[in-house]
PDB file of N, CA and C in Angstrom:
ATOM      1  N   MET A   1       6.973 -20.999 -30.446  1.00  0.00           N
ATOM      2  CA  MET A   1       7.345 -22.525 -30.283  1.00  0.00           C
ATOM      3  C   MET A   1       9.388 -22.711 -29.958  1.00  0.00           C
ATOM      4  N   ASP A   2       9.837 -21.547 -30.445  1.00  0.00           N
ATOM      5  CA  ASP A   2      10.698 -21.622 -30.584  1.00  0.00           C
ATOM      6  C   ASP A   2      11.458 -21.562 -29.328  1.00  0.00           C
ATOM      7  N   TYR A   3      10.832 -20.304 -27.940  1.00  0.00           N
ATOM      8  CA  TYR A   3      11.639 -20.776 -26.455  1.00  0.00           C
ATOM      9  C   TYR A   3      10.976 -22.019 -26.110  1.00  0.00           C
ATOM     10  N   PHE A   4       9.685 -22.526 -26.151  1.00  0.00           N
ATOM     11  CA  PHE A   4       9.412 -23.395 -25.808  1.00  0.00           C
ATOM     12  C   PHE A   4      10.077 -24.871 -26.006  1.00  0.00           C
ATOM     13  N   ASN A   5      10.373 -25.252 -26.737  1.00  0.00           N
ATOM     14  CA  ASN A   5      11.184 -25.706 -27.641  1.00  0.00           C
ATOM     15  C   ASN A   5      12.851 -25.956 -26.622  1.00  0.00           C
ATOM     16  N   ALA A   6      13.431 -24.796 -26.769  1.00  0.00           N
ATOM     17  CA  ALA A   6      14.740 -24.381 -25.844  1.00  0.00           C
ATOM     18  C   ALA A   6      14.128 -24.247 -24.332  1.00  0.00           C
ATOM     19  N   PHE A   7      13.001 -23.828 -23.876  1.00  0.00           N
ATOM     20  CA  PHE A   7      12.888 -24.231 -22.570  1.00  0.00           C
ATOM     21  C   PHE A   7      12.750 -25.640 -22.409  1.00  0.00           C
ATOM     22  N   TRP A   8      12.173 -26.693 -22.629  1.00  0.00           N
ATOM     23  CA  TRP A   8      12.379 -28.196 -22.853  1.00  0.00           C
ATOM     24  C   TRP A   8      13.590 -29.286 -22.542  1.00  0.00           C
ATOM     25  N   VAL A   9      13.892 -29.240 -23.712  1.00  0.00           N
ATOM     26  CA  VAL A   9      15.736 -29.316 -24.323  1.00  0.00           C
ATOM     27  C   VAL A   9      15.842 -29.190 -23.588  1.00  0.00           C
ATOM     28  N   GLY A  10      16.275 -27.901 -22.897  1.00  0.00           N
ATOM     29  CA  GLY A  10      17.778 -27.399 -21.988  1.00  0.00           C
ATOM     30  C   GLY A  10      17.318 -28.012 -20.509  1.00  0.00           C
ATOM     31  N   GLY A  11      15.869 -27.479 -20.062  1.00  0.00           N
ATOM     32  CA  GLY A  11      15.448 -28.642 -18.827  1.00  0.00           C
ATOM     33  C   GLY A  11      15.514 -30.165 -18.896  1.00  0.00           C
ATOM     34  N   LEU A  12      15.133 -31.231 -19.917  1.00  0.00           N
ATOM     35  CA  LEU A  12      15.887 -32.309 -20.136  1.00  0.00           C
ATOM     36  C   LEU A  12      17.132 -32.481 -20.112  1.00  0.00           C
ATOM     37  N   ILE A  13      17.863 -31.822 -20.371  1.00  0.00           N
ATOM     38  CA  ILE A  13      19.204 -32.160 -20.763  1.00  0.00           C
ATOM     39  C   ILE A  13      19.870 -31.515 -19.118  1.00  0.00           C
ATOM     40  N   CYS A  14      19.129 -30.906 -18.278  1.00  0.00           N
ATOM     41  CA  CYS A  14      19.754 -29.871 -16.532  1.00  0.00           C
ATOM     42  C   CYS A  14      18.946 -31.244 -16.105  1.00  0.00           C
ATOM     43  N   ALA A  15      18.167 -32.572 -16.067  1.00  0.00           N
ATOM     44  CA  ALA A  15      17.527 -33.578 -15.138  1.00  0.00           C
ATOM     45  C   ALA A  15      18.292 -34.492 -15.422  1.00  0.00           C
ATOM     46  N   LEU A  16      18.436 -34.567 -16.617  1.00  0.00           N
ATOM     47  CA  LEU A  16      19.444 -35.832 -16.879  1.00  0.00           C
ATOM     48  C   LEU A  16      20.765 -35.812 -15.934  1.00  0.00           C
ATOM     49  N   VAL A  17      21.561 -34.504 -16.351  1.00  0.00           N
ATOM     50  CA  VAL A  17      22.698 -34.572 -15.695  1.00  0.00           C
ATOM     51  C   VAL A  17      22.552 -34.258 -14.371  1.00  0.00           C
ATOM     52  N   GLN A  18      21.312 -33.882 -13.703  1.00  0.00           N
ATOM     53  CA  GLN A  18      20.439 -34.207 -12.063  1.00  0.00           C
ATOM     54  C   GLN A  18      21.012 -35.984 -11.722  1.00  0.00           C
ATOM     55  N   ILE A  19      20.185 -36.384 -12.516  1.00  0.00           N
ATOM     56  CA  ILE A  19      19.905 -37.503 -12.196  1.00  0.00           C
ATOM     57  C   ILE A  19      21.292 -38.649 -12.236  1.00  0.00           C
ATOM     58  N   LEU A  20      22.145 -37.935 -13.676  1.00  0.00           N
ATOM     59  CA  LEU A  20      23.565 -38.734 -13.244  1.00  0.00           C
ATOM     60  C   LEU A  20      24.063 -38.149 -11.625  1.00  0.00           C
ATOM     61  N   MET A  21      24.193 -36.816 -11.342  1.00  0.00           N
ATOM     62  CA  MET A  21      24.099 -36.445 -10.432  1.00  0.00           C
ATOM     63  C   MET A  21      24.137 -37.545  -9.176  1.00  0.00           C
ATOM     64  N   GLU A  22      22.413 -37.723  -8.638  1.00  0.00           N
ATOM     65  CA  GLU A  22      21.983 -38.166  -7.891  1.00  0.00           C
ATOM     66  C   GLU A  22      22.362 -39.725  -7.414  1.00  0.00           C
ATOM     67  N   LYS A  23      22.142 -40.311  -8.758  1.00  0.00           N
ATOM     68  CA  LYS A  23      21.976 -42.121  -8.873  1.00  0.00           C
ATOM     69  C   LYS A  23      23.083 -42.733  -9.668  1.00  0.00           C
ATOM     70  N   THR A  24      24.375 -42.104  -9.263  1.00  0.00           N
ATOM     71  CA  THR A  24      25.290 -42.862  -9.848  1.00  0.00           C
ATOM     72  C   THR A  24      26.502 -42.094  -9.144  1.00  0.00           C
ATOM     73  N   LYS A  25      27.888 -42.359  -9.029  1.00  0.00           N
ATOM     74  CA  LYS A  25      29.303 -42.073  -8.106  1.00  0.00           C
ATOM     75  C   LYS A  25      29.916 -41.781  -9.391  1.00  0.00           C
ATOM     76  N   MET A  26      29.377 -40.716  -9.811  1.00  0.00           N
ATOM     77  CA  MET A  26      29.489 -39.887 -11.134  1.00  0.00           C
ATOM     78  C   MET A  26      30.421 -37.968 -10.280  1.00  0.00           C
ATOM     79  N   MET A  27      31.988 -38.187 -10.038  1.00  0.00           N
ATOM     80  CA  MET A  27      31.505 -36.816  -9.309  1.00  0.00           C
ATOM     81  C   MET A  27      31.398 -35.754 -10.614  1.00  0.00           C
ATOM     82  N   PRO A  28      31.180 -34.672  -9.966  1.00  0.00           N
ATOM     83  CA  PRO A  28      30.933 -33.124 -11.566  1.00  0.00           C
ATOM     84  C   PRO A  28      31.700 -33.288 -12.789  1.00  0.00           C
ATOM     85  N   GLY A  29      32.700 -33.227 -11.732  1.00  0.00           N
ATOM     86  CA  GLY A  29      33.973 -32.752 -12.730  1.00  0.00           C
ATOM     87  C   GLY A  29      33.273 -33.959 -14.297  1.00  0.00           C
ATOM     88  N   ARG A  30      33.459 -35.105 -14.329  1.00  0.00           N
ATOM     89  CA  ARG A  30      32.933 -36.106 -15.218  1.00  0.00           C
ATOM     90  C   ARG A  30      32.403 -36.177 -15.242  1.00  0.00           C
ATOM     91  N   ILE A  31      30.881 -35.227 -14.979  1.00  0.00           N
ATOM     92  CA  ILE A  31      29.333 -35.760 -15.990  1.00  0.00           C
ATOM     93  C   ILE A  31      30.314 -34.198 -17.084  1.00  0.00           C
ATOM     94  N   MET A  32      31.260 -32.931 -16.351  1.00  0.00           N
ATOM     95  CA  MET A  32      30.982 -32.321 -16.937  1.00  0.00           C
ATOM     96  C   MET A  32      31.798 -32.543 -18.418  1.00  0.00           C
ATOM     97  N   VAL A  33      32.663 -33.703 -18.058  1.00  0.00           N
ATOM     98  CA  VAL A  33      33.699 -33.417 -19.317  1.00  0.00           C
ATOM     99  C   VAL A  33      33.238 -34.676 -20.592  1.00  0.00           C
ATOM    100  N   LEU A  34      31.568 -35.613 -19.724  1.00  0.00           N
ATOM    101  CA  LEU A  34      30.951 -36.559 -20.580  1.00  0.00           C
ATOM    102  C   LEU A  34      29.844 -35.694 -21.479  1.00  0.00           C
ATOM    103  N   LEU A  35      29.413 -34.179 -20.700  1.00  0.00           N
ATOM    104  CA  LEU A  35      28.404 -33.582 -21.862  1.00  0.00           C
ATOM    105  C   LEU A  35      29.253 -32.323 -23.371  1.00  0.00           C
ATOM    106  N   VAL A  36      30.806 -32.600 -22.522  1.00  0.00           N
ATOM    107  CA  VAL A  36      31.590 -31.913 -23.830  1.00  0.00           C
ATOM    108  C   VAL A  36      31.650 -32.780 -24.592  1.00  0.00           C
ATOM    109  N   VAL A  37      32.138 -34.187 -24.159  1.00  0.00           N
ATOM    110  CA  VAL A  37      32.303 -34.806 -25.565  1.00  0.00           C
ATOM    111  C   VAL A  37      31.040 -35.366 -26.019  1.00  0.00           C
ATOM    112  N   THR A  38      30.204 -35.609 -25.466  1.00  0.00           N
ATOM    113  CA  THR A  38      28.740 -35.430 -26.412  1.00  0.00           C
ATOM    114  C   THR A  38      28.418 -35.119 -27.494  1.00  0.00           C
ATOM    115  N   GLY A  39      28.389 -33.542 -27.120  1.00  0.00           N
ATOM    116  CA  GLY A  39      28.274 -32.237 -27.750  1.00  0.00           C
ATOM    117  C   GLY A  39      29.789 -33.210 -28.779  1.00  0.00           C
ATOM    118  N   ALA A  40      30.820 -32.950 -28.666  1.00  0.00           N
ATOM    119  CA  ALA A  40      31.609 -32.992 -29.724  1.00  0.00           C
ATOM    120  C   ALA A  40      31.422 -33.981 -30.980  1.00  0.00           C
ATOM    121  N   VAL A  41      30.620 -35.024 -29.930  1.00  0.00           N
ATOM    122  CA  VAL A  41      30.529 -36.540 -30.238  1.00  0.00           C
ATOM    123  C   VAL A  41      29.882 -36.331 -31.837  1.00  0.00           C
ATOM    124  N   LEU A  42      28.874 -35.757 -31.299  1.00  0.00           N
ATOM    125  CA  LEU A  42      27.206 -35.303 -31.700  1.00  0.00           C
ATOM    126  C   LEU A  42      27.688 -33.849 -33.084  1.00  0.00           C
ATOM    127  N   SER A  43      28.393 -33.421 -32.732  1.00  0.00           N
ATOM    128  CA  SER A  43      29.285 -32.332 -33.686  1.00  0.00           C
ATOM    129  C   SER A  43      30.118 -33.130 -35.242  1.00  0.00           C
ATOM    130  N   ALA A  44      30.373 -34.305 -34.577  1.00  0.00           N
ATOM    131  CA  ALA A  44      31.641 -35.128 -35.487  1.00  0.00           C
ATOM    132  C   ALA A  44      30.405 -35.065 -36.127  1.00  0.00           C
ATOM    133  N   LEU A  45      29.689 -36.303 -36.170  1.00  0.00           N
ATOM    134  CA  LEU A  45      28.152 -36.671 -36.670  1.00  0.00           C
ATOM    135  C   LEU A  45      27.376 -36.165 -37.228  1.00  0.00           C
ATOM    136  N   GLY A  46      27.845 -34.591 -36.922  1.00  0.00           N
ATOM    137  CA  GLY A  46      26.814 -34.133 -37.791  1.00  0.00           C
ATOM    138  C   GLY A  46      25.373 -34.000 -37.408  1.00  0.00           C
ATOM    139  N   TRP A  47      25.395 -34.791 -36.498  1.00  0.00           N
ATOM    140  CA  TRP A  47      24.324 -34.486 -35.717  1.00  0.00           C
ATOM    141  C   TRP A  47      23.171 -33.386 -35.134  1.00  0.00           C
ATOM    142  N   TYR A  48      24.906 -32.602 -34.956  1.00  0.00           N
ATOM    143  CA  TYR A  48      24.896 -31.279 -33.428  1.00  0.00           C
ATOM    144  C   TYR A  48      23.710 -29.687 -34.211  1.00  0.00           C
ATOM    145  N   GLU A  49      24.152 -29.508 -35.205  1.00  0.00           N
ATOM    146  CA  GLU A  49      23.343 -28.665 -35.863  1.00  0.00           C
ATOM    147  C   GLU A  49      22.439 -28.922 -35.569  1.00  0.00           C
ATOM    148  N   PRO A  50      21.216 -29.714 -36.342  1.00  0.00           N
ATOM    149  CA  PRO A  50      20.049 -30.118 -36.543  1.00  0.00           C
ATOM    150  C   PRO A  50      19.400 -30.200 -35.060  1.00  0.00           C
ATOM    151  N   PHE A  51      19.888 -30.461 -34.407  1.00  0.00           N
ATOM    152  CA  PHE A  51      19.367 -30.604 -33.218  1.00  0.00           C
ATOM    153  C   PHE A  51      19.692 -28.741 -32.469  1.00  0.00           C
ATOM    154  N   GLN A  52      20.494 -28.707 -32.637  1.00  0.00           N
ATOM    155  CA  GLN A  52      21.019 -26.442 -31.994  1.00  0.00           C
ATOM    156  C   GLN A  52      19.228 -26.125 -32.862  1.00  0.00           C
ATOM    157  N   ASP A  53      19.472 -26.596 -34.361  1.00  0.00           N
ATOM    158  CA  ASP A  53      18.443 -25.471 -35.267  1.00  0.00           C
ATOM    159  C   ASP A  53      16.615 -25.962 -33.784  1.00  0.00           C
ATOM    160  N   PHE A  54      16.528 -26.994 -33.612  1.00  0.00           N
ATOM    161  CA  PHE A  54      15.482 -27.591 -33.262  1.00  0.00           C
ATOM    162  C   PHE A  54      15.180 -26.965 -31.236  1.00  0.00           C
ATOM    163  N   ALA A  55      16.567 -26.497 -31.165  1.00  0.00           N
ATOM    164  CA  ALA A  55      16.593 -26.935 -29.937  1.00  0.00           C
ATOM    165  C   ALA A  55      17.194 -25.230 -29.605  1.00  0.00           C
ATOM    166  N   GLY A  56      17.616 -24.729 -30.229  1.00  0.00           N
ATOM    167  CA  GLY A  56      18.272 -23.488 -30.229  1.00  0.00           C
ATOM    168  C   GLY A  56      18.923 -23.312 -28.680  1.00  0.00           C
ATOM    169  N   ALA A  57      18.794 -22.064 -28.297  1.00  0.00           N
ATOM    170  CA  ALA A  57      19.073 -22.260 -26.789  1.00  0.00           C
ATOM    171  C   ALA A  57      19.590 -23.014 -25.973  1.00  0.00           C
ATOM    172  N   GLY A  58      18.355 -23.788 -25.414  1.00  0.00           N
ATOM    173  CA  GLY A  58      18.682 -25.499 -25.527  1.00  0.00           C
ATOM    174  C   GLY A  58      19.357 -26.248 -25.588  1.00  0.00           C
ATOM    175  N   ALA A  59      20.272 -26.300 -26.728  1.00  0.00           N
ATOM    176  CA  ALA A  59      21.172 -26.652 -27.006  1.00  0.00           C
ATOM    177  C   ALA A  59      22.451 -25.981 -27.021  1.00  0.00           C
ATOM    178  N   SER A  60      22.368 -25.245 -27.265  1.00  0.00           N
ATOM    179  CA  SER A  60      23.647 -24.707 -26.929  1.00  0.00           C
ATOM    180  C   SER A  60      23.952 -23.747 -26.039  1.00  0.00           C
ATOM    181  N   VAL A  61      23.643 -23.206 -24.851  1.00  0.00           N
ATOM    182  CA  VAL A  61      23.810 -23.097 -23.361  1.00  0.00           C
ATOM    183  C   VAL A  61      24.678 -24.374 -22.856  1.00  0.00           C
ATOM    184  N   PRO A  62      23.937 -25.405 -22.646  1.00  0.00           N
ATOM    185  CA  PRO A  62      24.346 -26.466 -22.085  1.00  0.00           C
ATOM    186  C   PRO A  62      26.295 -26.989 -22.457  1.00  0.00           C
ATOM    187  N   LEU A  63      26.762 -27.369 -21.451  1.00  0.00           N
ATOM    188  CA  LEU A  63      28.144 -27.774 -22.128  1.00  0.00           C
ATOM    189  C   LEU A  63      28.442 -28.337 -23.042  1.00  0.00           C
ATOM    190  N   LEU A  64      26.979 -28.895 -24.068  1.00  0.00           N
ATOM    191  CA  LEU A  64      26.853 -29.931 -24.758  1.00  0.00           C
ATOM    192  C   LEU A  64      27.046 -28.909 -26.162  1.00  0.00           C
ATOM    193  N   GLY A  65      26.808 -27.148 -26.065  1.00  0.00           N
ATOM    194  CA  GLY A  65      27.306 -26.656 -27.541  1.00  0.00           C
ATOM    195  C   GLY A  65      28.309 -26.363 -26.740  1.00  0.00           C
ATOM    196  N   PHE A  66      29.579 -25.981 -25.648  1.00  0.00           N
ATOM    197  CA  PHE A  66      30.862 -25.932 -25.502  1.00  0.00           C
ATOM    198  C   PHE A  66      31.531 -26.414 -26.638  1.00  0.00           C
ATOM    199  N   GLY A  67      31.194 -28.590 -26.169  1.00  0.00           N
ATOM    200  CA  GLY A  67      31.736 -29.512 -27.177  1.00  0.00           C
ATOM    201  C   GLY A  67      31.964 -28.710 -28.415  1.00  0.00           C
ATOM    202  N   ASN A  68      30.418 -28.741 -29.055  1.00  0.00           N
ATOM    203  CA  ASN A  68      29.946 -28.173 -30.689  1.00  0.00           C
ATOM    204  C   ASN A  68      31.059 -27.289 -30.699  1.00  0.00           C
ATOM    205  N   VAL A  69      31.178 -26.386 -30.143  1.00  0.00           N
ATOM    206  CA  VAL A  69      32.166 -25.484 -30.462  1.00  0.00           C
ATOM    207  C   VAL A  69      33.716 -25.276 -30.204  1.00  0.00           C
ATOM    208  N   LEU A  70      33.557 -26.638 -29.850  1.00  0.00           N
ATOM    209  CA  LEU A  70      34.871 -26.874 -29.752  1.00  0.00           C
ATOM    210  C   LEU A  70      35.453 -27.862 -31.463  1.00  0.00           C
ATOM    211  N   MET A  71      34.144 -28.590 -31.659  1.00  0.00           N
ATOM    212  CA  MET A  71      34.536 -29.633 -32.836  1.00  0.00           C
ATOM    213  C   MET A  71      34.941 -28.618 -33.807  1.00  0.00           C
ATOM    214  N   LYS A  72      33.819 -27.845 -34.166  1.00  0.00           N
ATOM    215  CA  LYS A  72      33.693 -27.051 -35.382  1.00  0.00           C
ATOM    216  C   LYS A  72      34.706 -25.514 -35.204  1.00  0.00           C
ATOM    217  N   GLY A  73      35.678 -25.622 -34.516  1.00  0.00           N
ATOM    218  CA  GLY A  73      37.026 -25.194 -34.692  1.00  0.00           C
ATOM    219  C   GLY A  73      37.831 -26.010 -35.243  1.00  0.00           C
ATOM    220  N   VAL A  74      38.142 -27.805 -34.152  1.00  0.00           N
ATOM    221  CA  VAL A  74      38.915 -28.213 -35.029  1.00  0.00           C
ATOM    222  C   VAL A  74      38.802 -28.394 -36.116  1.00  0.00           C
ATOM    223  N   LYS A  75      37.689 -28.558 -37.091  1.00  0.00           N
ATOM    224  CA  LYS A  75      37.566 -28.908 -38.389  1.00  0.00           C
ATOM    225  C   LYS A  75      37.703 -28.035 -39.089  1.00  0.00           C
ATOM    226  N   GLU A  76      37.438 -26.573 -38.523  1.00  0.00           N
ATOM    227  CA  GLU A  76      37.978 -25.172 -39.297  1.00  0.00           C
ATOM    228  C   GLU A  76      39.080 -25.229 -39.496  1.00  0.00           C
ATOM    229  N   ALA A  77      40.332 -25.304 -38.273  1.00  0.00           N
ATOM    230  CA  ALA A  77      41.514 -25.605 -37.898  1.00  0.00           C
ATOM    231  C   ALA A  77      41.992 -26.400 -39.067  1.00  0.00           C
ATOM    232  N   VAL A  78      41.665 -27.994 -38.778  1.00  0.00           N
ATOM    233  CA  VAL A  78      42.362 -28.891 -39.965  1.00  0.00           C
ATOM    234  C   VAL A  78      41.965 -28.488 -41.240  1.00  0.00           C
ATOM    235  N   GLN A  79      41.141 -27.852 -41.647  1.00  0.00           N
ATOM    236  CA  GLN A  79      40.827 -28.011 -43.342  1.00  0.00           C
ATOM    237  C   GLN A  79      42.187 -26.546 -43.474  1.00  0.00           C
ATOM    238  N   GLU A  80      42.438 -25.904 -42.619  1.00  0.00           N
ATOM    239  CA  GLU A  80      43.282 -24.515 -43.097  1.00  0.00           C
ATOM    240  C   GLU A  80      45.018 -24.492 -42.876  1.00  0.00           C
ATOM    241  N   GLN A  81      44.776 -25.529 -42.170  1.00  0.00           N
ATOM    242  CA  GLN A  81      46.487 -26.109 -41.136  1.00  0.00           C
ATOM    243  C   GLN A  81      47.068 -27.513 -41.097  1.00  0.00           C
ATOM    244  N   GLY A  82      45.881 -27.992 -41.688  1.00  0.00           N
ATOM    245  CA  GLY A  82      46.702 -29.423 -41.802  1.00  0.00           C
ATOM    246  C   GLY A  82      46.074 -29.904 -40.146  1.00  0.00           C
ATOM    247  N   PHE A  83      46.782 -30.955 -39.903  1.00  0.00           N
ATOM    248  CA  PHE A  83      47.095 -31.563 -38.831  1.00  0.00           C
ATOM    249  C   PHE A  83      47.329 -30.751 -37.561  1.00  0.00           C
ATOM    250  N   LEU A  84      48.098 -30.173 -37.852  1.00  0.00           N
ATOM    251  CA  LEU A  84      48.641 -28.978 -36.666  1.00  0.00           C
ATOM    252  C   LEU A  84      47.028 -28.047 -36.439  1.00  0.00           C
ATOM    253  N   GLY A  85      46.094 -28.194 -37.067  1.00  0.00           N
ATOM    254  CA  GLY A  85      45.110 -27.284 -37.021  1.00  0.00           C
ATOM    255  C   GLY A  85      44.304 -28.928 -35.295  1.00  0.00           C
ATOM    256  N   LEU A  86      44.540 -29.844 -35.017  1.00  0.00           N
ATOM    257  CA  LEU A  86      44.190 -30.268 -34.096  1.00  0.00           C
ATOM    258  C   LEU A  86      44.398 -29.956 -33.071  1.00  0.00           C
ATOM    259  N   PHE A  87      45.351 -29.219 -32.847  1.00  0.00           N
ATOM    260  CA  PHE A  87      45.761 -28.944 -32.162  1.00  0.00           C
ATOM    261  C   PHE A  87      45.476 -27.339 -31.242  1.00  0.00           C
ATOM    262  N   ALA A  88      45.440 -27.063 -32.261  1.00  0.00           N
ATOM    263  CA  ALA A  88      44.877 -25.204 -32.494  1.00  0.00           C
ATOM    264  C   ALA A  88      43.485 -25.055 -32.568  1.00  0.00           C
ATOM    265  N   GLY A  89      42.690 -25.077 -33.369  1.00  0.00           N
ATOM    266  CA  GLY A  89      41.185 -25.373 -33.863  1.00  0.00           C
ATOM    267  C   GLY A  89      40.377 -25.392 -32.118  1.00  0.00           C
ATOM    268  N   GLY A  90      40.251 -26.209 -31.061  1.00  0.00           N
ATOM    269  CA  GLY A  90      39.775 -25.835 -30.598  1.00  0.00           C
ATOM    270  C   GLY A  90      39.749 -24.616 -29.493  1.00  0.00           C
ATOM    271  N   PHE A  91      41.107 -24.173 -29.281  1.00  0.00           N
ATOM    272  CA  PHE A  91      41.591 -23.052 -28.407  1.00  0.00           C
ATOM    273  C   PHE A  91      41.404 -21.668 -29.321  1.00  0.00           C
ATOM    274  N   ARG A  92      41.614 -21.654 -30.582  1.00  0.00           N
ATOM    275  CA  ARG A  92      41.005 -20.344 -31.057  1.00  0.00           C
ATOM    276  C   ARG A  92      39.468 -20.425 -31.125  1.00  0.00           C
ATOM    277  N   ALA A  93      38.647 -21.472 -31.523  1.00  0.00           N
ATOM    278  CA  ALA A  93      37.134 -21.583 -31.268  1.00  0.00           C
ATOM    279  C   ALA A  93      37.228 -21.060 -29.785  1.00  0.00           C
ATOM    280  N   GLY A  94      37.592 -21.789 -28.933  1.00  0.00           N
ATOM    281  CA  GLY A  94      36.889 -21.449 -26.733  1.00  0.00           C
ATOM    282  C   GLY A  94      37.610 -20.350 -26.569  1.00  0.00           C
ATOM    283  N   ALA A  95      38.053 -20.104 -27.192  1.00  0.00           N
ATOM    284  CA  ALA A  95      39.195 -18.715 -26.483  1.00  0.00           C
ATOM    285  C   ALA A  95      38.195 -17.623 -26.252  1.00  0.00           C
ATOM    286  N   VAL A  96      37.087 -16.962 -27.092  1.00  0.00           N
ATOM    287  CA  VAL A  96      36.026 -16.542 -26.635  1.00  0.00           C
ATOM    288  C   VAL A  96      35.192 -16.503 -25.322  1.00  0.00           C
ATOM    289  N   GLY A  97      34.532 -17.769 -25.125  1.00  0.00           N
ATOM    290  CA  GLY A  97      33.836 -18.095 -24.307  1.00  0.00           C
ATOM    291  C   GLY A  97      34.383 -18.007 -22.237  1.00  0.00           C
ATOM    292  N   THR A  98      35.870 -19.029 -22.539  1.00  0.00           N
ATOM    293  CA  THR A  98      36.511 -19.160 -21.762  1.00  0.00           C
ATOM    294  C   THR A  98      36.873 -17.679 -21.377  1.00  0.00           C
ATOM    295  N   SER A  99      37.797 -16.876 -22.302  1.00  0.00           N
ATOM    296  CA  SER A  99      38.182 -16.105 -21.453  1.00  0.00           C
ATOM    297  C   SER A  99      36.996 -14.948 -21.171  1.00  0.00           C
ATOM    298  N   ALA A 100      35.913 -15.060 -21.321  1.00  0.00           N
ATOM    299  CA  ALA A 100      34.760 -14.154 -20.347  1.00  0.00           C
ATOM    300  C   ALA A 100      34.521 -14.464 -19.145  1.00  0.00           C
ATOM    301  N   ALA A 101      34.338 -15.734 -19.425  1.00  0.00           N
ATOM    302  CA  ALA A 101      34.504 -17.149 -17.455  1.00  0.00           C
ATOM    303  C   ALA A 101      35.629 -16.412 -16.624  1.00  0.00           C
ATOM    304  N   LEU A 102      36.402 -16.617 -17.083  1.00  0.00           N
ATOM    305  CA  LEU A 102      37.291 -16.021 -16.459  1.00  0.00           C
ATOM    306  C   LEU A 102      37.188 -14.812 -15.879  1.00  0.00           C
ATOM    307  N   ILE A 103      37.310 -13.911 -16.589  1.00  0.00           N
ATOM    308  CA  ILE A 103      36.904 -12.054 -16.705  1.00  0.00           C
ATOM    309  C   ILE A 103      35.749 -11.934 -15.572  1.00  0.00           C
ATOM    310  N   PHE A 104      34.959 -12.517 -15.812  1.00  0.00           N
ATOM    311  CA  PHE A 104      33.282 -12.022 -15.421  1.00  0.00           C
ATOM    312  C   PHE A 104      33.734 -12.767 -13.846  1.00  0.00           C
ATOM    313  N   GLY A 105      34.184 -13.702 -14.120  1.00  0.00           N
ATOM    314  CA  GLY A 105      33.938 -14.329 -12.576  1.00  0.00           C
ATOM    315  C   GLY A 105      35.086 -13.393 -11.428  1.00  0.00           C
ATOM    316  N   TYR A 106      35.985 -12.915 -11.946  1.00  0.00           N
ATOM    317  CA  TYR A 106      37.031 -12.692 -11.403  1.00  0.00           C
ATOM    318  C   TYR A 106      36.068 -11.430 -11.036  1.00  0.00           C
ATOM    319  N   LEU A 107      35.370 -10.638 -11.546  1.00  0.00           N
ATOM    320  CA  LEU A 107      34.647  -9.509 -11.484  1.00  0.00           C
ATOM    321  C   LEU A 107      33.685  -9.827  -9.840  1.00  0.00           C
ATOM    322  N   ALA A 108      33.244 -10.934 -10.032  1.00  0.00           N
ATOM    323  CA  ALA A 108      32.128 -11.933  -9.574  1.00  0.00           C
ATOM    324  C   ALA A 108      32.398 -11.908  -8.478  1.00  0.00           C
ATOM    325  N   SER A 109      34.024 -12.078  -8.105  1.00  0.00           N
ATOM    326  CA  SER A 109      34.884 -12.197  -7.026  1.00  0.00           C
ATOM    327  C   SER A 109      35.372 -11.279  -6.008  1.00  0.00           C
ATOM    328  N   LEU A 110      35.558 -10.162  -6.910  1.00  0.00           N
ATOM    329  CA  LEU A 110      35.662  -8.690  -6.344  1.00  0.00           C
ATOM    330  C   LEU A 110      34.451  -8.241  -5.639  1.00  0.00           C
ATOM    331  N   LEU A 111      33.785  -8.086  -6.461  1.00  0.00           N
ATOM    332  CA  LEU A 111      32.073  -7.976  -6.129  1.00  0.00           C
ATOM    333  C   LEU A 111      31.227  -8.304  -4.085  1.00  0.00           C
ATOM    334  N   SER A 112      32.186  -9.604  -4.036  1.00  0.00           N
ATOM    335  CA  SER A 112      31.579 -10.573  -2.852  1.00  0.00           C
ATOM    336  C   SER A 112      32.838 -10.743  -2.581  1.00  0.00           C
ATOM    337  N   LYS A 113      31.652 -11.588  -0.937  1.00  0.00           N
ATOM    338  CA  LYS A 113      32.753 -11.887  -0.194  1.00  0.00           C
ATOM    339  C   LYS A 113      33.307 -13.358  -0.516  1.00  0.00           C
ATOM    340  N   PRO A 114      34.272 -14.053  -1.236  1.00  0.00           N
ATOM    341  CA  PRO A 114      34.313 -15.533  -1.695  1.00  0.00           C
ATOM    342  C   PRO A 114      34.302 -16.223  -0.121  1.00  0.00           C
ATOM    343  N   LYS A 115      33.986 -17.418  -0.049  1.00  0.00           N
ATOM    344  CA  LYS A 115      34.441 -18.152   1.064  1.00  0.00           C
ATOM    345  C   LYS A 115      35.105 -19.336   0.739  1.00  0.00           C
ATOM    346  N   MET A 116      35.566 -20.152   1.730  1.00  0.00           N
ATOM    347  CA  MET A 116      36.392 -21.397   0.938  1.00  0.00           C
ATOM    348  C   MET A 116      34.944 -22.505   1.679  1.00  0.00           C
ATOM    349  N   LYS A 117      34.714 -23.185   1.209  1.00  0.00           N
ATOM    350  CA  LYS A 117      34.158 -24.903   1.536  1.00  0.00           C
ATOM    351  C   LYS A 117      34.861 -24.994   3.378  1.00  0.00           C
ATOM    352  N   GLU A 118      34.022 -25.510   4.537  1.00  0.00           N
ATOM    353  CA  GLU A 118      34.364 -26.359   4.880  1.00  0.00           C
ATOM    354  C   GLU A 118      34.541 -27.307   5.113  1.00  0.00           C
TER     355      GLU A 118
END
């Protein structure tokens, strides 16, 4: 049942994003920011953990999960460092995922022949 819930929740998130892209004039970058902010807000309200427990990877893999990771990092850093944690927590929490994306993206560009869009 865990796989089923992850599949349909992740698919629903992707379908909603596709509808936003097709039916509105929102640019993809704005939609990505909307997803990250939505994940952060759900995390701040305490609703993301039950959602992730239900949906598993269907909730943690899309950009909603990145917003949750950033918010968890900020919460922890604020408890440890106070006000300065607002600025450092998100960077520390998201550093591994961001670094991995950059490194693997670079390696993929070395193995393929990337071309500019015309």
